[in-house]
Amino acid sequence: MKRLFLLALVLFLPFATGCAQPTSDASSEQTPTVNASTEVDPADFEWASFDEATAAAKESGKYVLVDIYAPWCGWCRKMQEEVYTNDEIRTYVMQHFEYGRLDIDDSETRHDFKGYDLTSQELGYGLGAEGTPTTVFLDSNGDYITRRPAYAALSTFRQVLHYIGTKAFQEQTFEEYAQAAENQELGTGK
């Protein structure tokens, strides 16, 4: 328990919401160096483990997208089937992020993250997941950027990815970013 508290303090995480766990199972910023025009084949999209994604990010300088899920979670399956199968989403994720999954129900797999020895379950909660699915974004050093709790429809998730991938999060809130995008779409330019 002390490890979770310390990890939460290190990451300074806000609240998250999402699908509830079944009660019986309670138990220095770097700029991405990837070229946005890099050709990728969305058919090559395969989830890495959390450890593989964070290690790859240290090499590539890309941000990390972590899909925190549970095998029993219907919203997680819906996100996998309706959002992550979209070629535009896959291509954008492959160009701008290292990406991995973390099973929040896994209390056996261990991770060495920022000097803490944590199970997948502890790490998922430490990254702020209070339900599933939760999408967490880290910088290439593993430092926390933000998270998106719960299922996100394709258009919303596209906006979230662009908000992080374009580094807009460094200048404005997501609400400001979304409003500016809507204004641009409507041609009002406000």
N, C-alpha and C. Protein backbone atom coordinates (compact mmCIF):
# COMPACT_ATOMS: atom_id res chain seq x y z
N MET A 1 0.83 -1.19 0.00
CA MET A 1 0.00 0.00 0.00
C MET A 1 0.87 1.25 0.00
N LYS A 2 1.97 1.19 0.75
CA LYS A 2 2.88 2.33 0.82
C LYS A 2 3.46 2.63 -0.57
N ARG A 3 3.74 1.57 -1.35
CA ARG A 3 4.29 1.77 -2.69
C ARG A 3 3.30 2.51 -3.57
N LEU A 4 2.02 2.17 -3.50
CA LEU A 4 1.01 2.86 -4.30
C LEU A 4 0.91 4.32 -3.93
N PHE A 5 0.93 4.60 -2.63
CA PHE A 5 0.85 5.98 -2.17
C PHE A 5 2.05 6.78 -2.68
N LEU A 6 3.24 6.21 -2.59
CA LEU A 6 4.44 6.89 -3.06
C LEU A 6 4.40 7.11 -4.56
N LEU A 7 3.95 6.10 -5.31
CA LEU A 7 3.86 6.25 -6.76
C LEU A 7 2.86 7.34 -7.11
N ALA A 8 1.73 7.39 -6.43
CA ALA A 8 0.75 8.44 -6.69
C ALA A 8 1.32 9.82 -6.38
N LEU A 9 2.10 9.92 -5.33
CA LEU A 9 2.73 11.20 -5.01
C LEU A 9 3.72 11.61 -6.09
N VAL A 10 4.49 10.64 -6.58
CA VAL A 10 5.48 10.93 -7.62
C VAL A 10 4.78 11.41 -8.88
N LEU A 11 3.68 10.81 -9.21
CA LEU A 11 3.00 11.14 -10.46
C LEU A 11 2.00 12.28 -10.32
N PHE A 12 1.57 12.63 -9.09
CA PHE A 12 0.58 13.67 -8.83
C PHE A 12 -0.61 13.53 -9.76
N LEU A 13 -1.43 12.53 -9.49
CA LEU A 13 -2.52 12.17 -10.37
C LEU A 13 -3.86 12.74 -9.94
N PRO A 14 -4.65 13.29 -10.90
CA PRO A 14 -6.01 13.69 -10.59
C PRO A 14 -6.93 12.46 -10.58
N PHE A 15 -8.20 12.67 -10.26
CA PHE A 15 -9.17 11.57 -10.21
C PHE A 15 -9.48 11.04 -11.60
N ALA A 16 -9.85 9.77 -11.68
CA ALA A 16 -10.29 9.14 -12.92
C ALA A 16 -11.64 8.48 -12.66
N THR A 17 -12.40 8.30 -13.71
CA THR A 17 -13.65 7.58 -13.60
C THR A 17 -13.70 6.54 -14.70
N GLY A 18 -14.58 5.60 -14.61
CA GLY A 18 -14.71 4.58 -15.64
C GLY A 18 -15.55 3.44 -15.12
N CYS A 19 -15.46 2.30 -15.80
CA CYS A 19 -16.19 1.12 -15.40
C CYS A 19 -15.69 0.68 -14.03
N ALA A 20 -16.58 0.28 -13.18
CA ALA A 20 -16.20 -0.13 -11.83
C ALA A 20 -15.67 -1.55 -11.84
N GLN A 21 -14.74 -1.82 -10.94
CA GLN A 21 -14.22 -3.15 -10.76
C GLN A 21 -15.32 -4.01 -10.14
N PRO A 22 -15.36 -5.30 -10.46
CA PRO A 22 -16.29 -6.17 -9.73
C PRO A 22 -15.88 -6.16 -8.26
N THR A 23 -16.85 -6.10 -7.36
CA THR A 23 -16.53 -6.00 -5.94
C THR A 23 -15.81 -7.24 -5.43
N SER A 24 -15.96 -8.37 -6.05
CA SER A 24 -15.28 -9.58 -5.60
C SER A 24 -13.79 -9.54 -5.93
N ASP A 25 -13.34 -8.67 -6.83
CA ASP A 25 -11.94 -8.59 -7.22
C ASP A 25 -11.20 -7.44 -6.56
N ALA A 26 -11.76 -6.85 -5.46
CA ALA A 26 -11.08 -5.71 -4.86
C ALA A 26 -9.66 -6.11 -4.44
N SER A 27 -9.24 -6.33 -4.33
CA SER A 27 -7.86 -6.66 -3.97
C SER A 27 -6.99 -5.30 -4.07
N SER A 28 12.54 14.90 -16.82
CA SER A 28 12.85 16.02 -17.78
C SER A 28 12.15 15.72 -19.06
N GLU A 29 11.16 16.45 -19.52
CA GLU A 29 10.26 16.21 -20.63
C GLU A 29 11.01 16.26 -21.96
N GLN A 30 10.78 15.23 -22.77
CA GLN A 30 11.49 15.16 -24.05
C GLN A 30 10.48 15.30 -25.17
N THR A 31 10.84 16.02 -26.22
CA THR A 31 9.96 16.20 -27.36
C THR A 31 10.05 14.99 -28.27
N PRO A 32 8.93 14.44 -28.72
CA PRO A 32 8.97 13.31 -29.63
C PRO A 32 9.74 13.68 -30.89
N THR A 33 10.56 12.75 -31.36
CA THR A 33 11.38 13.02 -32.53
C THR A 33 10.82 12.38 -33.79
N VAL A 34 9.69 11.71 -33.68
CA VAL A 34 9.14 11.03 -34.84
C VAL A 34 8.61 12.02 -35.86
N ASN A 35 8.79 11.70 -37.12
CA ASN A 35 8.27 12.51 -38.22
C ASN A 35 6.82 12.10 -38.45
N ALA A 36 5.90 13.05 -38.38
CA ALA A 36 4.47 12.74 -38.50
C ALA A 36 4.12 12.14 -39.84
N SER A 37 4.96 12.33 -40.86
CA SER A 37 4.63 11.78 -42.18
C SER A 37 5.22 10.38 -42.37
N THR A 38 5.82 9.81 -41.34
CA THR A 38 6.39 8.48 -41.43
C THR A 38 5.33 7.49 -41.90
N GLU A 39 5.69 6.72 -42.91
CA GLU A 39 4.76 5.73 -43.44
C GLU A 39 4.68 4.54 -42.49
N VAL A 40 3.48 4.17 -42.12
CA VAL A 40 3.26 2.98 -41.31
C VAL A 40 2.08 2.23 -41.90
N ASP A 41 2.05 0.96 -41.67
CA ASP A 41 0.94 0.13 -42.12
C ASP A 41 0.07 -0.20 -40.91
N PRO A 42 -1.17 0.32 -40.89
CA PRO A 42 -2.02 0.08 -39.71
C PRO A 42 -2.28 -1.40 -39.45
N ALA A 43 -2.06 -2.25 -40.45
CA ALA A 43 -2.24 -3.68 -40.24
C ALA A 43 -1.16 -4.24 -39.31
N ASP A 44 -0.07 -3.49 -39.13
CA ASP A 44 1.02 -3.92 -38.26
C ASP A 44 0.77 -3.59 -36.79
N PHE A 45 -0.36 -3.00 -36.48
CA PHE A 45 -0.67 -2.57 -35.11
C PHE A 45 -0.83 -3.78 -34.21
N GLU A 46 0.07 -3.91 -33.23
CA GLU A 46 -0.02 -4.96 -32.22
C GLU A 46 0.35 -4.35 -30.88
N TRP A 47 -0.40 -4.68 -29.85
CA TRP A 47 -0.13 -4.14 -28.53
C TRP A 47 1.15 -4.73 -27.96
N ALA A 48 1.98 -3.88 -27.41
CA ALA A 48 3.16 -4.30 -26.67
C ALA A 48 2.78 -4.38 -25.20
N SER A 49 3.68 -4.90 -24.40
CA SER A 49 3.47 -4.85 -22.95
C SER A 49 3.81 -3.44 -22.48
N PHE A 50 3.41 -3.12 -21.27
CA PHE A 50 3.74 -1.83 -20.68
C PHE A 50 5.26 -1.62 -20.67
N ASP A 51 6.00 -2.64 -20.23
CA ASP A 51 7.45 -2.53 -20.13
C ASP A 51 8.09 -2.32 -21.50
N GLU A 52 7.62 -3.04 -22.51
CA GLU A 52 8.15 -2.87 -23.87
C GLU A 52 7.88 -1.46 -24.39
N ALA A 53 6.68 -0.94 -24.14
CA ALA A 53 6.32 0.39 -24.63
C ALA A 53 7.16 1.47 -23.95
N THR A 54 7.34 1.38 -22.64
CA THR A 54 8.12 2.42 -21.96
C THR A 54 9.59 2.34 -22.33
N ALA A 55 10.11 1.13 -22.53
CA ALA A 55 11.51 0.99 -22.96
C ALA A 55 11.69 1.54 -24.37
N ALA A 56 10.75 1.26 -25.26
CA ALA A 56 10.83 1.77 -26.63
C ALA A 56 10.76 3.29 -26.66
N ALA A 57 9.95 3.88 -25.77
CA ALA A 57 9.81 5.34 -25.73
C ALA A 57 11.12 6.00 -25.33
N LYS A 58 11.87 5.38 -24.45
CA LYS A 58 13.17 5.94 -24.06
C LYS A 58 14.10 6.01 -25.27
N GLU A 59 13.98 5.04 -26.17
CA GLU A 59 14.80 5.01 -27.38
C GLU A 59 14.29 5.96 -28.45
N SER A 60 12.98 5.99 -28.66
CA SER A 60 12.39 6.74 -29.78
C SER A 60 12.09 8.20 -29.44
N GLY A 61 11.90 8.50 -28.16
CA GLY A 61 11.50 9.85 -27.77
C GLY A 61 10.01 10.11 -27.94
N LYS A 62 9.25 9.09 -28.30
CA LYS A 62 7.81 9.23 -28.47
C LYS A 62 7.11 9.23 -27.11
N TYR A 63 5.89 9.74 -27.10
CA TYR A 63 5.04 9.62 -25.93
C TYR A 63 4.58 8.17 -25.82
N VAL A 64 4.05 7.82 -24.64
CA VAL A 64 3.56 6.46 -24.40
C VAL A 64 2.05 6.51 -24.18
N LEU A 65 1.34 5.65 -24.88
CA LEU A 65 -0.09 5.46 -24.69
C LEU A 65 -0.24 4.12 -23.99
N VAL A 66 -0.88 4.13 -22.83
CA VAL A 66 -1.10 2.90 -22.05
C VAL A 66 -2.59 2.64 -21.98
N ASP A 67 -3.01 1.50 -22.52
CA ASP A 67 -4.41 1.08 -22.45
C ASP A 67 -4.55 0.20 -21.21
N ILE A 68 -5.20 0.73 -20.18
CA ILE A 68 -5.44 -0.04 -18.96
C ILE A 68 -6.81 -0.68 -19.09
N TYR A 69 -6.84 -2.00 -19.03
CA TYR A 69 -8.07 -2.75 -19.31
C TYR A 69 -8.24 -3.87 -18.29
N ALA A 70 -9.38 -4.53 -18.37
CA ALA A 70 -9.64 -5.74 -17.60
C ALA A 70 -10.29 -6.74 -18.56
N PRO A 71 -9.94 -8.01 -18.46
CA PRO A 71 -10.50 -9.01 -19.37
C PRO A 71 -12.03 -9.10 -19.34
N TRP A 72 -12.65 -8.80 -18.20
CA TRP A 72 -14.10 -8.89 -18.04
C TRP A 72 -14.83 -7.64 -18.54
N CYS A 73 -14.11 -6.58 -18.89
CA CYS A 73 -14.69 -5.27 -19.17
C CYS A 73 -15.26 -5.17 -20.59
N GLY A 74 -16.57 -5.05 -20.68
CA GLY A 74 -17.23 -4.91 -21.98
C GLY A 74 -16.86 -3.62 -22.69
N TRP A 75 -16.68 -2.52 -21.96
CA TRP A 75 -16.30 -1.24 -22.57
C TRP A 75 -14.88 -1.32 -23.14
N CYS A 76 -14.02 -2.12 -22.49
CA CYS A 76 -12.66 -2.32 -23.01
C CYS A 76 -12.72 -3.04 -24.36
N ARG A 77 -13.55 -4.08 -24.43
CA ARG A 77 -13.71 -4.82 -25.70
C ARG A 77 -14.28 -3.90 -26.78
N LYS A 78 -15.26 -3.08 -26.39
CA LYS A 78 -15.87 -2.16 -27.34
C LYS A 78 -14.82 -1.17 -27.88
N MET A 79 -13.96 -0.67 -27.01
CA MET A 79 -12.90 0.25 -27.42
C MET A 79 -11.95 -0.46 -28.38
N GLN A 80 -11.59 -1.70 -28.07
CA GLN A 80 -10.70 -2.47 -28.95
C GLN A 80 -11.34 -2.72 -30.31
N GLU A 81 -12.63 -3.04 -30.31
CA GLU A 81 -13.33 -3.40 -31.55
C GLU A 81 -13.75 -2.21 -32.39
N GLU A 82 -14.09 -1.08 -31.75
CA GLU A 82 -14.65 0.05 -32.50
C GLU A 82 -13.70 1.23 -32.68
N VAL A 83 -12.70 1.34 -31.83
CA VAL A 83 -11.80 2.49 -31.90
C VAL A 83 -10.43 2.06 -32.40
N TYR A 84 -9.82 1.11 -31.72
CA TYR A 84 -8.46 0.71 -32.08
C TYR A 84 -8.38 -0.09 -33.38
N THR A 85 -9.48 -0.46 -33.97
CA THR A 85 -9.45 -1.12 -35.27
C THR A 85 -9.48 -0.12 -36.42
N ASN A 86 -9.75 1.14 -36.13
CA ASN A 86 -9.81 2.18 -37.16
C ASN A 86 -8.41 2.47 -37.69
N ASP A 87 -8.25 2.40 -39.02
CA ASP A 87 -6.93 2.59 -39.62
C ASP A 87 -6.34 3.97 -39.34
N GLU A 88 -7.16 5.01 -39.31
CA GLU A 88 -6.66 6.35 -39.02
C GLU A 88 -6.11 6.43 -37.59
N ILE A 89 -6.84 5.84 -36.64
CA ILE A 89 -6.40 5.81 -35.25
C ILE A 89 -5.10 5.02 -35.12
N ARG A 90 -5.08 3.84 -35.72
CA ARG A 90 -3.88 3.00 -35.65
C ARG A 90 -2.66 3.72 -36.23
N THR A 91 -2.84 4.33 -37.39
CA THR A 91 -1.74 5.03 -38.04
C THR A 91 -1.22 6.16 -37.16
N TYR A 92 -2.13 6.95 -36.60
CA TYR A 92 -1.72 8.07 -35.76
C TYR A 92 -1.00 7.57 -34.51
N VAL A 93 -1.53 6.54 -33.89
CA VAL A 93 -0.90 5.97 -32.70
C VAL A 93 0.49 5.46 -33.05
N MET A 94 0.63 4.75 -34.15
CA MET A 94 1.92 4.18 -34.53
C MET A 94 2.95 5.28 -34.85
N GLN A 95 2.49 6.39 -35.39
CA GLN A 95 3.41 7.48 -35.75
C GLN A 95 3.85 8.30 -34.54
N HIS A 96 2.98 8.49 -33.57
CA HIS A 96 3.23 9.44 -32.48
C HIS A 96 3.48 8.83 -31.11
N PHE A 97 3.21 7.55 -30.93
CA PHE A 97 3.27 6.95 -29.61
C PHE A 97 3.96 5.59 -29.65
N GLU A 98 4.53 5.23 -28.52
CA GLU A 98 4.79 3.83 -28.22
C GLU A 98 3.55 3.42 -27.45
N TYR A 99 3.08 2.22 -27.60
CA TYR A 99 1.79 1.85 -27.01
C TYR A 99 1.84 0.45 -26.42
N GLY A 100 1.21 0.34 -25.26
CA GLY A 100 1.18 -0.93 -24.57
C GLY A 100 -0.07 -1.05 -23.72
N ARG A 101 -0.31 -2.27 -23.27
CA ARG A 101 -1.50 -2.54 -22.47
C ARG A 101 -1.09 -3.00 -21.08
N LEU A 102 -2.01 -2.77 -20.15
CA LEU A 102 -1.79 -3.15 -18.76
C LEU A 102 -3.11 -3.73 -18.23
N ASP A 103 -3.09 -4.99 -17.83
CA ASP A 103 -4.27 -5.67 -17.27
C ASP A 103 -4.37 -5.32 -15.79
N ILE A 104 -5.37 -4.53 -15.44
CA ILE A 104 -5.51 -4.05 -14.06
C ILE A 104 -5.89 -5.17 -13.08
N ASP A 105 -6.31 -6.32 -13.59
CA ASP A 105 -6.63 -7.45 -12.73
C ASP A 105 -5.41 -8.34 -12.45
N ASP A 106 -4.31 -8.10 -13.13
CA ASP A 106 -3.11 -8.94 -13.02
C ASP A 106 -2.32 -8.57 -11.77
N SER A 107 -2.40 -9.43 -10.77
CA SER A 107 -1.68 -9.16 -9.52
C SER A 107 -0.39 -9.98 -9.42
N GLU A 108 0.03 -10.58 -10.53
CA GLU A 108 1.25 -11.40 -10.52
C GLU A 108 2.38 -10.80 -11.34
N THR A 109 2.09 -10.27 -12.52
CA THR A 109 3.13 -9.70 -13.37
C THR A 109 3.72 -8.48 -12.68
N ARG A 110 5.04 -8.42 -12.64
CA ARG A 110 5.73 -7.35 -11.92
C ARG A 110 6.41 -6.41 -12.91
N HIS A 111 6.47 -5.13 -12.52
CA HIS A 111 7.09 -4.08 -13.33
C HIS A 111 8.02 -3.26 -12.45
N ASP A 112 9.18 -2.90 -13.01
CA ASP A 112 10.07 -1.96 -12.35
C ASP A 112 9.83 -0.62 -13.03
N PHE A 113 9.07 0.24 -12.36
CA PHE A 113 8.69 1.52 -12.94
C PHE A 113 9.11 2.64 -12.01
N LYS A 114 10.03 3.47 -12.48
CA LYS A 114 10.52 4.62 -11.72
C LYS A 114 11.06 4.20 -10.36
N GLY A 115 11.72 3.03 -10.34
CA GLY A 115 12.33 2.55 -9.11
C GLY A 115 11.39 1.79 -8.18
N TYR A 116 10.14 1.62 -8.58
CA TYR A 116 9.17 0.87 -7.77
C TYR A 116 8.93 -0.49 -8.38
N ASP A 117 8.87 -1.52 -7.55
CA ASP A 117 8.53 -2.86 -7.98
C ASP A 117 7.04 -3.04 -7.75
N LEU A 118 6.27 -3.04 -8.84
CA LEU A 118 4.81 -3.04 -8.74
C LEU A 118 4.20 -4.14 -9.60
N THR A 119 3.07 -4.67 -9.16
CA THR A 119 2.31 -5.58 -10.01
C THR A 119 1.57 -4.74 -11.05
N SER A 120 1.05 -5.38 -12.08
CA SER A 120 0.26 -4.66 -13.08
C SER A 120 -0.92 -3.98 -12.41
N GLN A 121 -1.54 -4.66 -11.45
CA GLN A 121 -2.68 -4.10 -10.74
C GLN A 121 -2.28 -2.84 -9.96
N GLU A 122 -1.19 -2.92 -9.21
CA GLU A 122 -0.71 -1.76 -8.46
C GLU A 122 -0.34 -0.61 -9.39
N LEU A 123 0.33 -0.94 -10.49
CA LEU A 123 0.75 0.08 -11.44
C LEU A 123 -0.46 0.75 -12.10
N GLY A 124 -1.45 -0.05 -12.48
CA GLY A 124 -2.67 0.51 -13.08
C GLY A 124 -3.35 1.50 -12.16
N TYR A 125 -3.51 1.11 -10.90
CA TYR A 125 -4.12 2.03 -9.93
C TYR A 125 -3.20 3.22 -9.66
N GLY A 126 -1.90 2.97 -9.60
CA GLY A 126 -0.94 4.04 -9.37
C GLY A 126 -0.93 5.07 -10.49
N LEU A 127 -1.26 4.64 -11.71
CA LEU A 127 -1.35 5.56 -12.85
C LEU A 127 -2.71 6.26 -12.89
N GLY A 128 -3.55 5.97 -11.93
CA GLY A 128 -4.80 6.71 -11.79
C GLY A 128 -6.04 6.02 -12.29
N ALA A 129 -5.93 4.80 -12.74
CA ALA A 129 -7.13 4.09 -13.21
C ALA A 129 -8.01 3.74 -12.02
N GLU A 130 -9.23 4.22 -12.07
CA GLU A 130 -10.21 3.85 -11.06
C GLU A 130 -11.26 2.93 -11.66
N GLY A 131 -11.18 2.74 -12.94
CA GLY A 131 -12.06 1.86 -13.68
C GLY A 131 -11.43 1.59 -15.02
N THR A 132 -12.12 0.78 -15.80
CA THR A 132 -11.59 0.43 -17.11
C THR A 132 -12.65 0.69 -18.18
N PRO A 133 -12.25 0.99 -19.37
CA PRO A 133 -10.87 1.27 -19.78
C PRO A 133 -10.41 2.64 -19.31
N THR A 134 -9.11 2.79 -19.15
CA THR A 134 -8.48 4.08 -18.90
C THR A 134 -7.27 4.16 -19.82
N THR A 135 -7.14 5.27 -20.53
CA THR A 135 -5.99 5.49 -21.39
C THR A 135 -5.09 6.50 -20.70
N VAL A 136 -3.85 6.11 -20.46
CA VAL A 136 -2.88 6.97 -19.79
C VAL A 136 -1.82 7.37 -20.80
N PHE A 137 -1.39 8.63 -20.70
CA PHE A 137 -0.34 9.15 -21.57
C PHE A 137 0.85 9.55 -20.71
N LEU A 138 2.03 9.07 -21.10
CA LEU A 138 3.27 9.37 -20.41
C LEU A 138 4.24 9.99 -21.42
N ASP A 139 5.21 10.75 -20.94
CA ASP A 139 6.24 11.22 -21.86
C ASP A 139 7.28 10.11 -22.03
N SER A 140 8.30 10.35 -22.82
CA SER A 140 9.26 9.30 -23.14
C SER A 140 10.09 8.87 -21.93
N ASN A 141 10.10 9.67 -20.87
CA ASN A 141 10.80 9.29 -19.64
C ASN A 141 9.88 8.57 -18.66
N GLY A 142 8.63 8.37 -19.04
CA GLY A 142 7.67 7.71 -18.15
C GLY A 142 6.98 8.66 -17.21
N ASP A 143 7.18 9.97 -17.40
CA ASP A 143 6.50 10.95 -16.56
C ASP A 143 5.06 11.13 -17.04
N TYR A 144 4.18 11.27 -16.09
CA TYR A 144 2.74 11.37 -16.34
C TYR A 144 2.39 12.65 -17.10
N ILE A 145 1.56 12.51 -18.16
CA ILE A 145 1.01 13.67 -18.86
C ILE A 145 -0.45 13.84 -18.45
N THR A 146 -1.27 12.85 -18.76
CA THR A 146 -2.70 12.90 -18.42
C THR A 146 -3.30 11.53 -18.65
N ARG A 147 -4.59 11.43 -18.40
CA ARG A 147 -5.31 10.18 -18.69
C ARG A 147 -6.70 10.50 -19.19
N ARG A 148 -7.27 9.54 -19.87
CA ARG A 148 -8.64 9.64 -20.39
C ARG A 148 -9.39 8.44 -19.83
N PRO A 149 -10.21 8.66 -18.80
CA PRO A 149 -10.96 7.54 -18.23
C PRO A 149 -12.15 7.17 -19.11
N ALA A 150 -12.52 5.92 -19.07
CA ALA A 150 -13.74 5.40 -19.71
C ALA A 150 -13.60 5.24 -21.22
N TYR A 151 -14.62 4.65 -21.79
CA TYR A 151 -14.71 4.46 -23.24
C TYR A 151 -14.77 5.82 -23.91
N ALA A 152 -14.12 5.94 -25.05
CA ALA A 152 -14.20 7.16 -25.86
C ALA A 152 -14.59 6.77 -27.28
N ALA A 153 -15.62 7.40 -27.80
CA ALA A 153 -16.03 7.16 -29.18
C ALA A 153 -14.91 7.59 -30.12
N LEU A 154 -14.95 7.10 -31.33
CA LEU A 154 -13.90 7.33 -32.32
C LEU A 154 -13.55 8.82 -32.47
N SER A 155 -14.53 9.69 -32.65
CA SER A 155 -14.24 11.11 -32.87
C SER A 155 -13.61 11.75 -31.63
N THR A 156 -14.07 11.39 -30.46
CA THR A 156 -13.50 11.93 -29.22
C THR A 156 -12.08 11.44 -29.03
N PHE A 157 -11.86 10.15 -29.26
CA PHE A 157 -10.53 9.60 -29.07
C PHE A 157 -9.54 10.18 -30.07
N ARG A 158 -9.99 10.42 -31.29
CA ARG A 158 -9.15 11.07 -32.29
C ARG A 158 -8.68 12.43 -31.78
N GLN A 159 -9.60 13.20 -31.19
CA GLN A 159 -9.25 14.51 -30.64
C GLN A 159 -8.25 14.39 -29.49
N VAL A 160 -8.45 13.41 -28.62
CA VAL A 160 -7.54 13.20 -27.50
C VAL A 160 -6.14 12.88 -28.02
N LEU A 161 -6.05 11.99 -28.99
CA LEU A 161 -4.75 11.62 -29.55
C LEU A 161 -4.03 12.83 -30.15
N HIS A 162 -4.78 13.64 -30.89
CA HIS A 162 -4.18 14.83 -31.52
C HIS A 162 -3.78 15.86 -30.46
N TYR A 163 -4.56 15.98 -29.41
CA TYR A 163 -4.26 16.90 -28.32
C TYR A 163 -2.89 16.56 -27.71
N ILE A 164 -2.64 15.29 -27.50
CA ILE A 164 -1.35 14.86 -26.95
C ILE A 164 -0.28 14.86 -28.04
N GLY A 165 -0.57 14.26 -29.18
CA GLY A 165 0.42 14.10 -30.26
C GLY A 165 0.95 15.41 -30.82
N THR A 166 0.13 16.46 -30.81
CA THR A 166 0.57 17.77 -31.31
C THR A 166 1.17 18.64 -30.21
N LYS A 167 1.24 18.09 -29.00
CA LYS A 167 1.75 18.80 -27.82
C LYS A 167 0.88 19.98 -27.40
N ALA A 168 -0.36 20.01 -27.85
CA ALA A 168 -1.27 21.10 -27.47
C ALA A 168 -1.49 21.12 -25.96
N PHE A 169 -1.35 19.97 -25.31
CA PHE A 169 -1.55 19.90 -23.86
C PHE A 169 -0.56 20.79 -23.11
N GLN A 170 0.53 21.17 -23.74
CA GLN A 170 1.52 22.04 -23.09
C GLN A 170 1.05 23.49 -23.05
N GLU A 171 0.09 23.84 -23.91
CA GLU A 171 -0.35 25.23 -24.05
C GLU A 171 -1.78 25.50 -23.59
N GLN A 172 -2.64 24.48 -23.61
CA GLN A 172 -4.05 24.72 -23.33
C GLN A 172 -4.71 23.48 -22.75
N THR A 173 -5.88 23.70 -22.16
CA THR A 173 -6.65 22.57 -21.64
C THR A 173 -7.28 21.83 -22.81
N PHE A 174 -7.73 20.61 -22.53
CA PHE A 174 -8.40 19.85 -23.59
C PHE A 174 -9.67 20.55 -24.04
N GLU A 175 -10.39 21.16 -23.10
CA GLU A 175 -11.63 21.86 -23.45
C GLU A 175 -11.34 23.02 -24.40
N GLU A 176 -10.28 23.78 -24.14
CA GLU A 176 -9.89 24.87 -25.04
C GLU A 176 -9.49 24.33 -26.41
N TYR A 177 -8.75 23.23 -26.41
CA TYR A 177 -8.33 22.60 -27.66
C TYR A 177 -9.54 22.13 -28.48
N ALA A 178 -10.47 21.46 -27.81
CA ALA A 178 -11.66 20.95 -28.50
C ALA A 178 -12.52 22.10 -29.03
N GLN A 179 -12.65 23.18 -28.25
CA GLN A 179 -13.43 24.34 -28.71
C GLN A 179 -12.78 24.99 -29.92
N ALA A 180 -11.46 25.13 -29.90
CA ALA A 180 -10.74 25.71 -31.03
C ALA A 180 -10.91 24.84 -32.28
N ALA A 181 -10.85 23.53 -32.11
CA ALA A 181 -11.04 22.61 -33.23
C ALA A 181 -12.45 22.73 -33.79
N GLU A 182 -13.45 22.84 -32.90
CA GLU A 182 -14.83 22.99 -33.34
C GLU A 182 -15.03 24.31 -34.08
N ASN A 183 -14.45 25.39 -33.55
CA ASN A 183 -14.54 26.69 -34.22
C ASN A 183 -13.90 26.66 -35.60
N GLN A 184 -12.75 25.99 -35.69
CA GLN A 184 -12.06 25.89 -36.98
C GLN A 184 -12.91 25.10 -37.96
N GLU A 185 -13.52 24.02 -37.47
CA GLU A 185 -14.38 23.20 -38.30
C GLU A 185 -15.59 24.00 -38.82
N LEU A 186 -16.12 24.85 -37.95
CA LEU A 186 -17.28 25.68 -38.32
C LEU A 186 -16.88 26.92 -39.11
N GLY A 187 -15.56 27.18 -39.16
CA GLY A 187 -15.09 28.34 -39.92
C GLY A 187 -15.23 29.65 -39.19
N THR A 188 -15.43 29.61 -37.85
CA THR A 188 -15.60 30.86 -37.11
C THR A 188 -14.26 31.44 -36.68
N GLY A 189 -13.21 30.59 -36.60
CA GLY A 189 -11.88 31.05 -36.28
C GLY A 189 -11.72 31.71 -34.93
N LYS A 190 -12.66 31.55 -34.01
CA LYS A 190 -12.56 32.18 -32.68
C LYS A 190 -11.55 31.49 -31.81
